[in-house]
Amino acid sequence: MVDFVEWPKTPRLFREICITEKIDGTNAALHIVENPDLPGTYSITAQSRKRIVTPDSDNYGFARWAHANASELIELLGPGLHFGEWWGRSIQRTYGTDKRAFSLFNVDRHKDTKAVIDGVYVQPVPVMYQGPFSDAPVRACLTFLKTHGSLAVPGFGDPEGICVWHSQSRKVYKVTLDNSDAGKWENPAAVAMPKETRPAN
């Protein structure tokens, strides 16, 4: 005998998506949780993509910054798990800046979040398109980045690509500007970016 395995519900493709610029830094997150022994107070824990990080076992200084500025971050972000990209000076492509930033992935929750904490910019990743899924806005956003450069750092001419959040599957998909994602959007005859798909920022 074997156990019954149900086929999972199939998400519908043509639903709302959100396209954001994919920033080339290092994945990071902050856990903000209420202290069980002290209701109304909160603690903060930092992580990288694969592990919890501390000021003594860090990831490009993210934990050190988070712990040094815990009270401000708790007040700004509130309880929960906050994923984002830690990027800028000395991290990956650096974006030609001597500053650091923590760009939050949940653009709905953090649409009004904008602060500078201890010299670090805290705000959502740049939104390029929100609306129904189709191939056109994906191609248009890639073409825009290739032509005009990064939205996160205007004037930086080597952006990485885009992330596409699909509301039905509740997954994020990436498309990069390197050869591994080469496609028909690179065709010089590709359509110009429609007005409704131009970046919001």
N, C-alpha and C. Protein backbone atom coordinates (compact mmCIF):
# COMPACT_ATOMS: atom_id res chain seq x y z
N MET A 1 0.84 -1.21 0.00
CA MET A 1 0.00 0.00 0.00
C MET A 1 0.87 1.25 0.00
N VAL A 2 0.36 2.26 -0.67
CA VAL A 2 1.05 3.56 -0.65
C VAL A 2 0.07 4.62 -0.18
N ASP A 3 0.61 5.71 0.32
CA ASP A 3 -0.23 6.81 0.76
C ASP A 3 -0.70 7.62 -0.44
N PHE A 4 -1.95 8.07 -0.37
CA PHE A 4 -2.50 8.95 -1.40
C PHE A 4 -1.75 10.28 -1.40
N VAL A 5 -1.36 10.75 -2.58
CA VAL A 5 -0.70 12.04 -2.73
C VAL A 5 -1.55 12.91 -3.65
N GLU A 6 -2.07 13.96 -3.10
CA GLU A 6 -2.96 14.85 -3.87
C GLU A 6 -2.15 15.75 -4.79
N TRP A 7 -2.65 15.94 -6.02
CA TRP A 7 -2.05 16.90 -6.94
C TRP A 7 -2.33 18.31 -6.41
N PRO A 8 -1.31 19.17 -6.27
CA PRO A 8 -1.56 20.52 -5.71
C PRO A 8 -2.41 21.37 -6.64
N LYS A 9 -3.11 22.32 -6.05
CA LYS A 9 -3.93 23.25 -6.84
C LYS A 9 -3.03 24.00 -7.83
N THR A 10 -3.47 24.12 -9.06
CA THR A 10 -2.67 24.76 -10.10
C THR A 10 -2.95 26.26 -10.15
N PRO A 11 -1.93 27.10 -9.91
CA PRO A 11 -2.15 28.55 -9.97
C PRO A 11 -2.46 29.01 -11.39
N ARG A 12 -3.23 30.07 -11.51
CA ARG A 12 -3.53 30.66 -12.82
C ARG A 12 -2.41 31.63 -13.20
N LEU A 13 -1.96 31.53 -14.44
CA LEU A 13 -0.83 32.33 -14.90
C LEU A 13 -1.18 33.81 -15.06
N PHE A 14 -2.34 34.10 -15.65
CA PHE A 14 -2.68 35.47 -15.99
C PHE A 14 -3.35 36.17 -14.80
N ARG A 15 -2.53 36.47 -13.81
CA ARG A 15 -2.94 37.19 -12.61
C ARG A 15 -1.95 38.32 -12.35
N GLU A 16 -2.16 39.06 -11.30
CA GLU A 16 -1.32 40.23 -11.01
C GLU A 16 0.14 39.83 -10.76
N ILE A 17 1.03 40.65 -11.28
CA ILE A 17 2.45 40.50 -10.99
C ILE A 17 3.02 41.84 -10.55
N CYS A 18 4.17 41.80 -9.92
CA CYS A 18 4.91 43.01 -9.58
C CYS A 18 6.34 42.80 -10.02
N ILE A 19 6.84 43.69 -10.87
CA ILE A 19 8.21 43.61 -11.36
C ILE A 19 9.05 44.66 -10.65
N THR A 20 10.14 44.21 -10.05
CA THR A 20 11.06 45.12 -9.38
C THR A 20 12.46 44.93 -9.94
N GLU A 21 13.30 45.94 -9.76
CA GLU A 21 14.69 45.78 -10.16
C GLU A 21 15.38 44.77 -9.25
N LYS A 22 16.12 43.84 -9.84
CA LYS A 22 16.91 42.89 -9.07
C LYS A 22 18.25 43.53 -8.75
N ILE A 23 18.53 43.68 -7.47
CA ILE A 23 19.76 44.34 -7.05
C ILE A 23 20.80 43.30 -6.71
N ASP A 24 22.02 43.53 -7.15
CA ASP A 24 23.11 42.58 -6.96
C ASP A 24 23.89 42.92 -5.70
N GLY A 25 23.46 42.33 -4.59
CA GLY A 25 24.17 42.47 -3.33
C GLY A 25 24.23 41.12 -2.66
N THR A 26 23.78 41.06 -1.41
CA THR A 26 23.71 39.79 -0.70
C THR A 26 22.37 39.70 0.02
N ASN A 27 21.74 38.54 -0.06
CA ASN A 27 20.42 38.36 0.55
C ASN A 27 20.54 38.49 2.06
N ALA A 28 19.58 39.20 2.66
CA ALA A 28 19.60 39.44 4.11
C ALA A 28 18.17 39.52 4.62
N ALA A 29 18.01 39.33 5.90
CA ALA A 29 16.69 39.44 6.51
C ALA A 29 16.82 39.79 7.98
N LEU A 30 15.76 40.40 8.50
CA LEU A 30 15.67 40.73 9.92
C LEU A 30 14.44 40.07 10.51
N HIS A 31 14.63 39.31 11.58
CA HIS A 31 13.53 38.77 12.37
C HIS A 31 13.30 39.74 13.52
N ILE A 32 12.09 40.26 13.63
CA ILE A 32 11.73 41.12 14.76
C ILE A 32 10.60 40.43 15.50
N VAL A 33 10.88 39.99 16.74
CA VAL A 33 9.91 39.21 17.50
C VAL A 33 9.74 39.79 18.90
N GLU A 34 8.53 39.61 19.44
CA GLU A 34 8.25 40.08 20.79
C GLU A 34 8.93 39.15 21.80
N ASN A 35 9.51 39.75 22.82
CA ASN A 35 10.16 38.97 23.87
C ASN A 35 9.09 38.34 24.76
N PRO A 36 9.05 37.00 24.87
CA PRO A 36 7.98 36.34 25.63
C PRO A 36 7.97 36.71 27.11
N ASP A 37 9.13 37.01 27.66
CA ASP A 37 9.20 37.34 29.09
C ASP A 37 8.98 38.83 29.37
N LEU A 38 9.01 39.63 28.31
CA LEU A 38 8.83 41.08 28.47
C LEU A 38 7.87 41.58 27.40
N PRO A 39 6.57 41.32 27.56
CA PRO A 39 5.60 41.75 26.54
C PRO A 39 5.72 43.24 26.24
N GLY A 40 5.59 43.56 24.95
CA GLY A 40 5.71 44.95 24.54
C GLY A 40 7.13 45.35 24.18
N THR A 41 8.08 44.45 24.39
CA THR A 41 9.46 44.69 23.95
C THR A 41 9.82 43.68 22.86
N TYR A 42 10.80 44.04 22.05
CA TYR A 42 11.11 43.22 20.88
C TYR A 42 12.62 43.01 20.75
N SER A 43 12.98 41.90 20.12
CA SER A 43 14.38 41.63 19.82
C SER A 43 14.56 41.48 18.32
N ILE A 44 15.78 41.62 17.89
CA ILE A 44 16.08 41.57 16.46
C ILE A 44 17.18 40.54 16.20
N THR A 45 17.00 39.75 15.15
CA THR A 45 17.99 38.76 14.73
C THR A 45 18.22 38.94 13.23
N ALA A 46 19.49 38.88 12.83
CA ALA A 46 19.85 39.05 11.42
C ALA A 46 20.20 37.71 10.80
N GLN A 47 19.94 37.58 9.51
CA GLN A 47 20.34 36.37 8.80
C GLN A 47 20.82 36.71 7.40
N SER A 48 21.62 35.81 6.84
CA SER A 48 21.99 35.86 5.43
C SER A 48 21.09 34.86 4.71
N ARG A 49 21.39 34.53 3.48
CA ARG A 49 20.56 33.58 2.75
C ARG A 49 20.51 32.21 3.42
N LYS A 50 21.63 31.79 4.03
CA LYS A 50 21.72 30.41 4.52
C LYS A 50 21.91 30.26 6.02
N ARG A 51 22.10 31.36 6.76
CA ARG A 51 22.39 31.19 8.18
C ARG A 51 22.06 32.45 8.97
N ILE A 52 21.91 32.26 10.29
CA ILE A 52 21.82 33.40 11.20
C ILE A 52 23.20 34.04 11.28
N VAL A 53 23.25 35.37 11.24
CA VAL A 53 24.53 36.07 11.34
C VAL A 53 24.54 36.94 12.58
N THR A 54 25.72 37.13 13.13
CA THR A 54 25.91 37.93 14.33
C THR A 54 27.03 38.93 14.07
N PRO A 55 27.20 39.91 14.93
CA PRO A 55 28.33 40.85 14.74
C PRO A 55 29.69 40.15 14.71
N ASP A 56 29.80 38.98 15.35
CA ASP A 56 31.07 38.24 15.36
C ASP A 56 31.18 37.24 14.21
N SER A 57 30.07 36.91 13.57
CA SER A 57 30.06 35.97 12.43
C SER A 57 29.12 36.57 11.39
N ASP A 58 29.63 37.56 10.69
CA ASP A 58 28.77 38.49 9.95
C ASP A 58 28.76 38.21 8.45
N ASN A 59 27.93 38.98 7.75
CA ASN A 59 27.82 38.95 6.31
C ASN A 59 27.89 40.38 5.80
N TYR A 60 29.10 40.83 5.46
CA TYR A 60 29.35 42.19 4.99
C TYR A 60 28.85 43.26 5.98
N GLY A 61 28.90 42.97 7.28
CA GLY A 61 28.55 43.97 8.28
C GLY A 61 27.07 44.15 8.53
N PHE A 62 26.22 43.28 7.95
CA PHE A 62 24.77 43.45 8.10
C PHE A 62 24.33 43.26 9.55
N ALA A 63 24.79 42.20 10.21
CA ALA A 63 24.38 41.95 11.60
C ALA A 63 24.91 43.04 12.52
N ARG A 64 26.12 43.48 12.30
CA ARG A 64 26.69 44.54 13.13
C ARG A 64 25.83 45.81 13.04
N TRP A 65 25.44 46.17 11.82
CA TRP A 65 24.58 47.34 11.63
C TRP A 65 23.22 47.13 12.28
N ALA A 66 22.63 45.94 12.09
CA ALA A 66 21.30 45.67 12.64
C ALA A 66 21.30 45.73 14.16
N HIS A 67 22.29 45.14 14.80
CA HIS A 67 22.33 45.13 16.26
C HIS A 67 22.64 46.51 16.83
N ALA A 68 23.47 47.28 16.14
CA ALA A 68 23.81 48.62 16.61
C ALA A 68 22.63 49.57 16.49
N ASN A 69 21.70 49.25 15.61
CA ASN A 69 20.56 50.16 15.36
C ASN A 69 19.23 49.45 15.58
N ALA A 70 19.22 48.50 16.49
CA ALA A 70 18.04 47.64 16.70
C ALA A 70 16.79 48.44 17.01
N SER A 71 16.86 49.39 17.92
CA SER A 71 15.64 50.10 18.34
C SER A 71 15.02 50.87 17.18
N GLU A 72 15.85 51.51 16.35
CA GLU A 72 15.32 52.26 15.21
C GLU A 72 14.70 51.32 14.17
N LEU A 73 15.35 50.19 13.94
CA LEU A 73 14.83 49.24 12.95
C LEU A 73 13.53 48.60 13.42
N ILE A 74 13.44 48.29 14.71
CA ILE A 74 12.21 47.72 15.26
C ILE A 74 11.06 48.71 15.10
N GLU A 75 11.33 49.97 15.40
CA GLU A 75 10.28 51.00 15.26
C GLU A 75 9.89 51.21 13.80
N LEU A 76 10.86 51.19 12.91
CA LEU A 76 10.60 51.44 11.49
C LEU A 76 9.86 50.28 10.83
N LEU A 77 10.29 49.04 11.07
CA LEU A 77 9.78 47.89 10.33
C LEU A 77 8.66 47.16 11.03
N GLY A 78 8.65 47.13 12.36
CA GLY A 78 7.63 46.42 13.10
C GLY A 78 7.90 44.93 13.15
N PRO A 79 7.07 44.19 13.90
CA PRO A 79 7.27 42.74 14.06
C PRO A 79 7.16 42.01 12.72
N GLY A 80 7.90 40.91 12.60
CA GLY A 80 7.82 40.09 11.41
C GLY A 80 9.19 39.72 10.88
N LEU A 81 9.18 39.05 9.73
CA LEU A 81 10.40 38.64 9.05
C LEU A 81 10.53 39.50 7.79
N HIS A 82 11.58 40.28 7.73
CA HIS A 82 11.74 41.27 6.66
C HIS A 82 12.93 40.90 5.78
N PHE A 83 12.63 40.40 4.57
CA PHE A 83 13.67 40.02 3.61
C PHE A 83 14.05 41.21 2.75
N GLY A 84 15.32 41.25 2.37
CA GLY A 84 15.76 42.32 1.49
C GLY A 84 17.15 42.03 0.94
N GLU A 85 17.70 43.02 0.25
CA GLU A 85 19.05 42.92 -0.30
C GLU A 85 19.94 43.93 0.41
N TRP A 86 21.07 43.47 0.92
CA TRP A 86 22.08 44.30 1.56
C TRP A 86 23.15 44.55 0.50
N TRP A 87 23.34 45.81 0.11
CA TRP A 87 24.15 46.07 -1.08
C TRP A 87 24.85 47.42 -0.99
N GLY A 88 25.76 47.63 -1.93
CA GLY A 88 26.49 48.89 -1.99
C GLY A 88 27.99 48.67 -1.84
N ARG A 89 28.62 49.51 -1.06
CA ARG A 89 30.07 49.52 -0.92
C ARG A 89 30.64 48.12 -0.65
N SER A 90 31.55 47.68 -1.51
CA SER A 90 32.33 46.44 -1.36
C SER A 90 31.49 45.16 -1.47
N ILE A 91 30.25 45.26 -1.94
CA ILE A 91 29.41 44.07 -2.07
C ILE A 91 29.06 43.87 -3.55
N GLN A 92 29.42 42.72 -4.11
CA GLN A 92 29.13 42.36 -5.50
C GLN A 92 29.51 43.48 -6.46
N ARG A 93 28.53 44.01 -7.24
CA ARG A 93 28.91 45.01 -8.26
C ARG A 93 29.02 46.42 -7.69
N THR A 94 28.73 46.63 -6.44
CA THR A 94 28.97 47.87 -5.65
C THR A 94 28.15 49.09 -6.10
N TYR A 95 27.72 49.12 -7.35
CA TYR A 95 26.92 50.20 -7.91
C TYR A 95 27.63 51.55 -7.87
N GLY A 96 28.96 51.52 -7.78
CA GLY A 96 29.74 52.74 -7.83
C GLY A 96 29.50 53.67 -6.67
N THR A 97 29.05 53.14 -5.54
CA THR A 97 28.74 53.99 -4.39
C THR A 97 29.57 53.59 -3.18
N ASP A 98 29.84 54.55 -2.31
CA ASP A 98 30.54 54.25 -1.06
C ASP A 98 29.55 54.09 0.08
N LYS A 99 28.25 54.04 -0.24
CA LYS A 99 27.19 53.88 0.77
C LYS A 99 26.71 52.43 0.78
N ARG A 100 25.92 52.10 1.79
CA ARG A 100 25.26 50.79 1.89
C ARG A 100 23.74 51.03 1.93
N ALA A 101 22.98 50.00 1.53
CA ALA A 101 21.52 50.09 1.57
C ALA A 101 20.94 48.72 1.92
N PHE A 102 19.78 48.75 2.54
CA PHE A 102 18.99 47.53 2.78
C PHE A 102 17.67 47.75 2.08
N SER A 103 17.50 47.08 0.92
CA SER A 103 16.31 47.27 0.09
C SER A 103 15.34 46.11 0.32
N LEU A 104 14.15 46.44 0.79
CA LEU A 104 13.16 45.45 1.21
C LEU A 104 12.39 44.89 0.03
N PHE A 105 12.14 43.57 0.05
CA PHE A 105 11.47 42.90 -1.06
C PHE A 105 9.96 43.08 -1.04
N ASN A 106 9.35 43.16 0.13
CA ASN A 106 7.89 43.25 0.21
C ASN A 106 7.46 44.71 -0.04
N VAL A 107 7.24 45.02 -1.32
CA VAL A 107 6.98 46.41 -1.69
C VAL A 107 5.59 46.87 -1.28
N ASP A 108 4.65 45.95 -1.05
CA ASP A 108 3.33 46.35 -0.57
C ASP A 108 3.40 46.75 0.90
N ARG A 109 3.97 45.89 1.72
CA ARG A 109 4.07 46.19 3.14
C ARG A 109 4.91 47.43 3.40
N HIS A 110 5.99 47.59 2.61
CA HIS A 110 6.95 48.66 2.90
C HIS A 110 6.90 49.80 1.89
N LYS A 111 5.76 49.99 1.25
CA LYS A 111 5.68 51.03 0.22
C LYS A 111 5.95 52.43 0.77
N ASP A 112 5.68 52.65 2.06
CA ASP A 112 5.93 53.96 2.67
C ASP A 112 7.17 53.99 3.54
N THR A 113 7.94 52.92 3.53
CA THR A 113 9.16 52.85 4.35
C THR A 113 10.30 53.55 3.62
N LYS A 114 10.86 54.54 4.27
CA LYS A 114 12.00 55.25 3.69
C LYS A 114 12.74 55.94 4.83
N ALA A 115 13.97 55.50 5.05
CA ALA A 115 14.74 56.06 6.15
C ALA A 115 16.23 55.89 5.87
N VAL A 116 17.02 56.69 6.56
CA VAL A 116 18.47 56.51 6.58
C VAL A 116 18.84 56.24 8.03
N ILE A 117 19.37 55.05 8.29
CA ILE A 117 19.70 54.64 9.65
C ILE A 117 21.20 54.37 9.71
N ASP A 118 21.89 55.19 10.47
CA ASP A 118 23.34 55.07 10.62
C ASP A 118 24.03 55.05 9.25
N GLY A 119 23.57 55.93 8.36
CA GLY A 119 24.16 56.05 7.03
C GLY A 119 23.70 55.04 6.01
N VAL A 120 22.79 54.12 6.41
CA VAL A 120 22.29 53.07 5.50
C VAL A 120 20.87 53.43 5.05
N TYR A 121 20.64 53.37 3.75
CA TYR A 121 19.32 53.65 3.19
C TYR A 121 18.43 52.42 3.34
N VAL A 122 17.25 52.59 3.94
CA VAL A 122 16.29 51.51 4.13
C VAL A 122 15.01 51.89 3.40
N GLN A 123 14.69 51.15 2.35
CA GLN A 123 13.50 51.42 1.55
C GLN A 123 13.23 50.21 0.66
N PRO A 124 12.06 50.15 0.00
CA PRO A 124 11.77 49.00 -0.87
C PRO A 124 12.63 48.99 -2.13
N VAL A 125 12.74 47.82 -2.74
CA VAL A 125 13.38 47.74 -4.05
C VAL A 125 12.54 48.54 -5.05
N PRO A 126 13.15 49.09 -6.10
CA PRO A 126 12.40 49.91 -7.06
C PRO A 126 11.35 49.10 -7.82
N VAL A 127 10.12 49.59 -7.81
CA VAL A 127 9.02 48.94 -8.55
C VAL A 127 9.01 49.47 -9.98
N MET A 128 8.97 48.56 -10.94
CA MET A 128 8.95 48.94 -12.35
C MET A 128 7.59 48.73 -12.99
N TYR A 129 6.82 47.76 -12.50
CA TYR A 129 5.50 47.47 -13.10
C TYR A 129 4.66 46.71 -12.10
N GLN A 130 3.39 47.05 -12.02
CA GLN A 130 2.39 46.27 -11.29
C GLN A 130 1.16 46.17 -12.16
N GLY A 131 0.71 44.95 -12.41
CA GLY A 131 -0.46 44.76 -13.26
C GLY A 131 -0.56 43.32 -13.71
N PRO A 132 -1.42 43.05 -14.70
CA PRO A 132 -1.62 41.67 -15.17
C PRO A 132 -0.36 41.08 -15.79
N PHE A 133 -0.20 39.77 -15.62
CA PHE A 133 0.94 39.09 -16.23
C PHE A 133 0.83 39.10 -17.75
N SER A 134 1.95 39.39 -18.39
CA SER A 134 2.14 39.13 -19.81
C SER A 134 3.62 39.25 -20.10
N ASP A 135 4.02 38.82 -21.27
CA ASP A 135 5.43 38.88 -21.64
C ASP A 135 5.88 40.32 -21.89
N ALA A 136 4.96 41.18 -22.34
CA ALA A 136 5.33 42.54 -22.76
C ALA A 136 5.98 43.36 -21.65
N PRO A 137 5.38 43.46 -20.44
CA PRO A 137 6.05 44.27 -19.41
C PRO A 137 7.38 43.70 -18.96
N VAL A 138 7.53 42.38 -19.00
CA VAL A 138 8.81 41.77 -18.64
C VAL A 138 9.88 42.24 -19.62
N ARG A 139 9.59 42.12 -20.91
CA ARG A 139 10.55 42.55 -21.93
C ARG A 139 10.81 44.04 -21.85
N ALA A 140 9.73 44.82 -21.60
CA ALA A 140 9.87 46.27 -21.56
C ALA A 140 10.75 46.72 -20.39
N CYS A 141 10.57 46.10 -19.23
CA CYS A 141 11.38 46.47 -18.07
C CYS A 141 12.85 46.12 -18.28
N LEU A 142 13.12 44.96 -18.89
CA LEU A 142 14.50 44.59 -19.19
C LEU A 142 15.13 45.56 -20.19
N THR A 143 14.37 45.90 -21.21
CA THR A 143 14.87 46.84 -22.21
C THR A 143 15.15 48.20 -21.58
N PHE A 144 14.27 48.63 -20.68
CA PHE A 144 14.48 49.91 -20.00
C PHE A 144 15.78 49.90 -19.20
N LEU A 145 16.01 48.84 -18.43
CA LEU A 145 17.23 48.77 -17.62
C LEU A 145 18.47 48.72 -18.49
N LYS A 146 18.41 47.95 -19.58
CA LYS A 146 19.57 47.84 -20.46
C LYS A 146 19.87 49.18 -21.14
N THR A 147 18.82 49.94 -21.42
CA THR A 147 18.98 51.22 -22.12
C THR A 147 19.35 52.36 -21.18
N HIS A 148 18.67 52.40 -20.02
CA HIS A 148 18.79 53.57 -19.14
C HIS A 148 19.58 53.30 -17.86
N GLY A 149 19.88 52.04 -17.56
CA GLY A 149 20.62 51.75 -16.35
C GLY A 149 19.73 51.56 -15.15
N SER A 150 20.36 51.45 -13.99
CA SER A 150 19.68 51.11 -12.74
C SER A 150 18.72 52.20 -12.28
N LEU A 151 17.60 51.77 -11.70
CA LEU A 151 16.71 52.70 -11.02
C LEU A 151 17.16 52.91 -9.58
N ALA A 152 17.77 51.89 -8.98
CA ALA A 152 18.23 52.00 -7.60
C ALA A 152 19.33 53.04 -7.46
N VAL A 153 20.21 53.08 -8.46
CA VAL A 153 21.30 54.08 -8.49
C VAL A 153 21.32 54.70 -9.88
N PRO A 154 20.56 55.76 -10.08
CA PRO A 154 20.51 56.39 -11.41
C PRO A 154 21.92 56.73 -11.89
N GLY A 155 22.18 56.40 -13.15
CA GLY A 155 23.48 56.65 -13.72
C GLY A 155 24.38 55.43 -13.72
N PHE A 156 24.02 54.39 -12.93
CA PHE A 156 24.82 53.16 -12.93
C PHE A 156 24.37 52.30 -14.10
N GLY A 157 25.30 52.04 -15.02
CA GLY A 157 24.93 51.44 -16.30
C GLY A 157 24.97 49.93 -16.39
N ASP A 158 25.16 49.24 -15.27
CA ASP A 158 25.28 47.78 -15.34
C ASP A 158 24.31 47.11 -14.35
N PRO A 159 23.00 47.33 -14.50
CA PRO A 159 22.05 46.69 -13.59
C PRO A 159 22.00 45.19 -13.83
N GLU A 160 21.50 44.45 -12.82
CA GLU A 160 21.52 42.99 -12.92
C GLU A 160 20.32 42.43 -13.67
N GLY A 161 19.12 42.98 -13.46
CA GLY A 161 17.93 42.43 -14.09
C GLY A 161 16.70 42.74 -13.27
N ILE A 162 15.73 41.83 -13.31
CA ILE A 162 14.46 42.06 -12.63
C ILE A 162 14.05 40.84 -11.81
N CYS A 163 13.16 41.09 -10.86
CA CYS A 163 12.45 40.03 -10.15
C CYS A 163 10.97 40.20 -10.42
N VAL A 164 10.27 39.08 -10.63
CA VAL A 164 8.84 39.11 -10.92
C VAL A 164 8.11 38.34 -9.83
N TRP A 165 7.31 39.05 -9.03
CA TRP A 165 6.48 38.42 -8.00
C TRP A 165 5.14 38.07 -8.63
N HIS A 166 4.76 36.79 -8.59
CA HIS A 166 3.51 36.33 -9.18
C HIS A 166 2.51 36.07 -8.06
N SER A 167 1.41 36.80 -8.07
CA SER A 167 0.48 36.77 -6.93
C SER A 167 -0.22 35.42 -6.76
N GLN A 168 -0.49 34.69 -7.86
CA GLN A 168 -1.19 33.41 -7.74
C GLN A 168 -0.27 32.31 -7.22
N SER A 169 0.93 32.23 -7.74
CA SER A 169 1.85 31.19 -7.29
C SER A 169 2.57 31.59 -6.01
N ARG A 170 2.53 32.90 -5.70
CA ARG A 170 3.22 33.45 -4.53
C ARG A 170 4.70 33.08 -4.57
N LYS A 171 5.27 33.21 -5.75
CA LYS A 171 6.69 32.96 -5.94
C LYS A 171 7.33 34.13 -6.67
N VAL A 172 8.65 34.23 -6.49
CA VAL A 172 9.42 35.25 -7.19
C VAL A 172 10.27 34.57 -8.26
N TYR A 173 10.26 35.14 -9.46
CA TYR A 173 11.06 34.63 -10.57
C TYR A 173 12.04 35.73 -10.98
N LYS A 174 13.22 35.34 -11.43
CA LYS A 174 14.20 36.34 -11.83
C LYS A 174 14.52 36.22 -13.31
N VAL A 175 14.85 37.37 -13.90
CA VAL A 175 15.36 37.42 -15.27
C VAL A 175 16.53 38.38 -15.24
N THR A 176 17.70 37.90 -15.65
CA THR A 176 18.88 38.74 -15.59
C THR A 176 19.29 39.21 -16.97
N LEU A 177 20.14 40.22 -16.99
CA LEU A 177 20.58 40.80 -18.24
C LEU A 177 21.81 40.12 -18.81
N ASP A 178 22.28 39.06 -18.18
CA ASP A 178 23.42 38.34 -18.72
C ASP A 178 22.96 37.30 -19.74
N ASN A 179 23.90 36.59 -20.32
CA ASN A 179 23.57 35.68 -21.41
C ASN A 179 22.70 34.50 -21.00
N SER A 180 22.67 34.18 -19.69
CA SER A 180 21.87 33.03 -19.27
C SER A 180 20.38 33.28 -19.42
N ASP A 181 19.98 34.55 -19.54
CA ASP A 181 18.57 34.86 -19.75
C ASP A 181 18.34 35.57 -21.06
N ALA A 182 19.24 35.40 -22.01
CA ALA A 182 19.07 36.05 -23.31
C ALA A 182 17.75 35.61 -23.93
N GLY A 183 17.05 36.57 -24.51
CA GLY A 183 15.76 36.25 -25.11
C GLY A 183 15.37 37.25 -26.17
N LYS A 184 14.13 37.15 -26.61
CA LYS A 184 13.72 37.98 -27.73
C LYS A 184 13.61 39.45 -27.39
N TRP A 185 13.57 39.77 -26.07
CA TRP A 185 13.54 41.20 -25.69
C TRP A 185 14.80 41.92 -26.16
N GLU A 186 15.92 41.15 -26.41
CA GLU A 186 17.16 41.77 -26.86
C GLU A 186 17.10 42.18 -28.33
N ASN A 187 16.08 41.69 -29.04
CA ASN A 187 15.92 42.04 -30.45
C ASN A 187 15.75 43.55 -30.59
N PRO A 188 16.54 44.21 -31.44
CA PRO A 188 16.41 45.66 -31.62
C PRO A 188 15.00 46.07 -32.02
N ALA A 189 14.24 45.13 -32.58
CA ALA A 189 12.88 45.47 -33.00
C ALA A 189 11.88 45.33 -31.86
N ALA A 190 12.38 45.02 -30.65
CA ALA A 190 11.47 44.87 -29.51
C ALA A 190 10.66 46.13 -29.31
N VAL A 191 9.43 45.96 -28.86
CA VAL A 191 8.55 47.10 -28.72
C VAL A 191 9.08 48.05 -27.67
N ALA A 192 8.81 49.34 -27.87
CA ALA A 192 9.17 50.34 -26.85
C ALA A 192 8.30 50.12 -25.63
N MET A 193 8.80 50.58 -24.48
CA MET A 193 8.06 50.39 -23.24
C MET A 193 6.74 51.16 -23.28
N PRO A 194 5.60 50.47 -23.17
CA PRO A 194 4.32 51.19 -23.14
C PRO A 194 4.26 52.11 -21.93
N LYS A 195 3.48 53.17 -22.04
CA LYS A 195 3.40 54.16 -20.97
C LYS A 195 3.04 53.52 -19.65
N GLU A 196 2.11 52.56 -19.65
CA GLU A 196 1.64 51.96 -18.40
C GLU A 196 2.68 51.04 -17.77
N THR A 197 3.76 50.70 -18.50
CA THR A 197 4.78 49.83 -17.93
C THR A 197 6.07 50.57 -17.62
N ARG A 198 6.06 51.88 -17.72
CA ARG A 198 7.27 52.61 -17.37
C ARG A 198 7.46 52.57 -15.86
N PRO A 199 8.72 52.57 -15.42
CA PRO A 199 8.96 52.48 -13.99
C PRO A 199 8.24 53.57 -13.20
N ALA A 200 7.74 53.15 -12.03
CA ALA A 200 6.99 54.09 -11.20
C ALA A 200 7.89 55.06 -10.47
N ASN A 201 9.19 54.71 -10.30
CA ASN A 201 10.11 55.55 -9.53
C ASN A 201 10.89 56.47 -10.44
